[in-house]
Amino acid sequence: MKLIELVYQDSQKKVHLLTLDWFEGMTVQDVLDKTGCCLSYPELLGQDVGVYGQKLTHQDKVFPGDRVEFYPPLLIDPKEARRSRVKRK
């Protein structure tokens, strides 16, 4: 059996990991529709999505063994965070 994983964090910071059966031609949108995660957690709708750190669109295909992930928006620019740490030292 070929599988796909979906991982996301809800508004209470709880991490969810779901496993789904993969089918030929499956897209990111198919994964989201099949799990219903965006219906349960509408805050996910505005987040980027990808596989293993590579951003994808909802029309991109997924493959067996892929782990579809939501990427929440950054709270601070990584460059600014580094500059702030350097200034504190």
C-alpha atoms as a PDB file:
ATOM      1  CA  MET A   1       0.000   0.000   0.000  1.00  0.00           C
ATOM      2  CA  LYS A   2       1.312   3.472  -0.921  1.00  0.00           C
ATOM      3  CA  LEU A   3       0.858   6.207   1.675  1.00  0.00           C
ATOM      4  CA  ILE A   4       1.004   9.996   2.070  1.00  0.00           C
ATOM      5  CA  GLU A   5       1.333  11.925   5.342  1.00  0.00           C
ATOM      6  CA  LEU A   6      -0.181  15.288   6.255  1.00  0.00           C
ATOM      7  CA  VAL A   7       1.171  17.237   9.215  1.00  0.00           C
ATOM      8  CA  TYR A   8      -0.150  20.507  10.605  1.00  0.00           C
ATOM      9  CA  GLN A   9      -0.369  22.497  13.808  1.00  0.00           C
ATOM     10  CA  ASP A  10      -3.710  23.783  15.076  1.00  0.00           C
ATOM     11  CA  SER A  11      -4.335  27.123  16.800  1.00  0.00           C
ATOM     12  CA  GLN A  12      -3.643  25.525  20.207  1.00  0.00           C
ATOM     13  CA  LYS A  13      -0.170  24.478  18.919  1.00  0.00           C
ATOM     14  CA  LYS A  14      -1.115  20.790  18.874  1.00  0.00           C
ATOM     15  CA  VAL A  15       0.573  18.900  16.031  1.00  0.00           C
ATOM     16  CA  HIS A  16      -1.565  16.520  13.952  1.00  0.00           C
ATOM     17  CA  LEU A  17      -0.131  13.766  11.769  1.00  0.00           C
ATOM     18  CA  LEU A  18      -2.511  11.955   9.413  1.00  0.00           C
ATOM     19  CA  THR A  19      -1.739   9.084   7.050  1.00  0.00           C
ATOM     20  CA  LEU A  20      -3.687   8.610   3.823  1.00  0.00           C
ATOM     21  CA  ASP A  21      -3.764   6.097   0.987  1.00  0.00           C
ATOM     22  CA  TRP A  22      -2.134   7.550  -2.122  1.00  0.00           C
ATOM     23  CA  PHE A  23      -3.725   7.281  -5.579  1.00  0.00           C
ATOM     24  CA  GLU A  24      -2.359   8.020  -9.044  1.00  0.00           C
ATOM     25  CA  GLY A  25      -2.608  11.723  -9.913  1.00  0.00           C
ATOM     26  CA  MET A  26      -3.240  12.802  -6.305  1.00  0.00           C
ATOM     27  CA  THR A  27      -2.740  16.545  -5.714  1.00  0.00           C
ATOM     28  CA  VAL A  28      -2.172  18.638  -2.605  1.00  0.00           C
ATOM     29  CA  GLN A  29      -5.819  19.739  -2.850  1.00  0.00           C
ATOM     30  CA  ASP A  30      -6.936  16.093  -2.883  1.00  0.00           C
ATOM     31  CA  VAL A  31      -4.993  15.527   0.360  1.00  0.00           C
ATOM     32  CA  LEU A  32      -6.613  18.567   1.988  1.00  0.00           C
ATOM     33  CA  ASP A  33     -10.092  17.598   0.787  1.00  0.00           C
ATOM     34  CA  LYS A  34      -9.730  13.985   1.908  1.00  0.00           C
ATOM     35  CA  THR A  35      -8.611  14.934   5.430  1.00  0.00           C
ATOM     36  CA  GLY A  36     -10.989  17.862   5.950  1.00  0.00           C
ATOM     37  CA  CYS A  37      -8.308  19.631   8.005  1.00  0.00           C
ATOM     38  CA  CYS A  38      -9.121  23.066   6.556  1.00  0.00           C
ATOM     39  CA  LEU A  39     -12.774  22.656   7.512  1.00  0.00           C
ATOM     40  CA  SER A  40     -11.832  21.831  11.098  1.00  0.00           C
ATOM     41  CA  TYR A  41      -9.083  24.471  11.286  1.00  0.00           C
ATOM     42  CA  PRO A  42      -9.870  27.358   8.897  1.00  0.00           C
ATOM     43  CA  GLU A  43      -6.727  29.211  10.025  1.00  0.00           C
ATOM     44  CA  LEU A  44      -4.787  26.761   7.820  1.00  0.00           C
ATOM     45  CA  LEU A  45      -6.330  28.232   4.656  1.00  0.00           C
ATOM     46  CA  GLY A  46      -3.938  31.196   4.526  1.00  0.00           C
ATOM     47  CA  GLN A  47      -0.798  29.166   5.154  1.00  0.00           C
ATOM     48  CA  ASP A  48       1.687  27.983   2.565  1.00  0.00           C
ATOM     49  CA  VAL A  49       1.850  24.247   1.944  1.00  0.00           C
ATOM     50  CA  GLY A  50       4.631  22.031   0.674  1.00  0.00           C
ATOM     51  CA  VAL A  51       6.481  18.749   0.820  1.00  0.00           C
ATOM     52  CA  TYR A  52       9.733  18.428   2.777  1.00  0.00           C
ATOM     53  CA  GLY A  53      10.355  22.189   2.807  1.00  0.00           C
ATOM     54  CA  GLN A  54       9.549  22.784  -0.868  1.00  0.00           C
ATOM     55  CA  LYS A  55       6.515  25.050  -1.330  1.00  0.00           C
ATOM     56  CA  LEU A  56       3.805  23.712  -3.619  1.00  0.00           C
ATOM     57  CA  THR A  57       0.498  24.929  -5.003  1.00  0.00           C
ATOM     58  CA  HIS A  58      -2.717  23.072  -4.298  1.00  0.00           C
ATOM     59  CA  GLN A  59      -2.679  21.769  -7.896  1.00  0.00           C
ATOM     60  CA  ASP A  60       0.765  20.151  -7.625  1.00  0.00           C
ATOM     61  CA  LYS A  61       0.902  16.358  -7.566  1.00  0.00           C
ATOM     62  CA  VAL A  62       2.096  14.390  -4.562  1.00  0.00           C
ATOM     63  CA  PHE A  63       3.785  11.013  -4.620  1.00  0.00           C
ATOM     64  CA  PRO A  64       3.961   7.959  -2.356  1.00  0.00           C
ATOM     65  CA  GLY A  65       5.984   8.661   0.753  1.00  0.00           C
ATOM     66  CA  ASP A  66       5.527  12.451   0.562  1.00  0.00           C
ATOM     67  CA  ARG A  67       4.816  14.381   3.743  1.00  0.00           C
ATOM     68  CA  VAL A  68       2.550  17.344   3.029  1.00  0.00           C
ATOM     69  CA  GLU A  69       3.167  20.146   5.536  1.00  0.00           C
ATOM     70  CA  PHE A  70       1.624  23.523   6.340  1.00  0.00           C
ATOM     71  CA  TYR A  71       4.043  26.403   6.839  1.00  0.00           C
ATOM     72  CA  PRO A  72       2.701  29.036   9.238  1.00  0.00           C
ATOM     73  CA  PRO A  73       3.719  32.638   8.580  1.00  0.00           C
ATOM     74  CA  LEU A  74       6.929  33.806  10.221  1.00  0.00           C
ATOM     75  CA  LEU A  75       6.430  36.062  13.229  1.00  0.00           C
ATOM     76  CA  ILE A  76       9.743  37.851  12.609  1.00  0.00           C
ATOM     77  CA  ASP A  77      12.064  38.083   9.634  1.00  0.00           C
ATOM     78  CA  PRO A  78      14.936  35.598  10.213  1.00  0.00           C
ATOM     79  CA  LYS A  79      17.516  38.249   9.249  1.00  0.00           C
ATOM     80  CA  GLU A  80      16.078  40.678  11.803  1.00  0.00           C
ATOM     81  CA  ALA A  81      16.075  37.978  14.493  1.00  0.00           C
ATOM     82  CA  ARG A  82      19.765  37.300  13.836  1.00  0.00           C
ATOM     83  CA  ARG A  83      20.627  41.010  13.896  1.00  0.00           C
ATOM     84  CA  SER A  84      18.800  41.349  17.206  1.00  0.00           C
ATOM     85  CA  ARG A  85      20.760  38.430  18.712  1.00  0.00           C
ATOM     86  CA  VAL A  86      24.064  39.906  17.525  1.00  0.00           C
ATOM     87  CA  LYS A  87      23.229  43.320  19.025  1.00  0.00           C
ATOM     88  CA  ARG A  88      22.483  41.704  22.410  1.00  0.00           C
ATOM     89  CA  LYS A  89      25.956  40.101  22.581  1.00  0.00           C
END
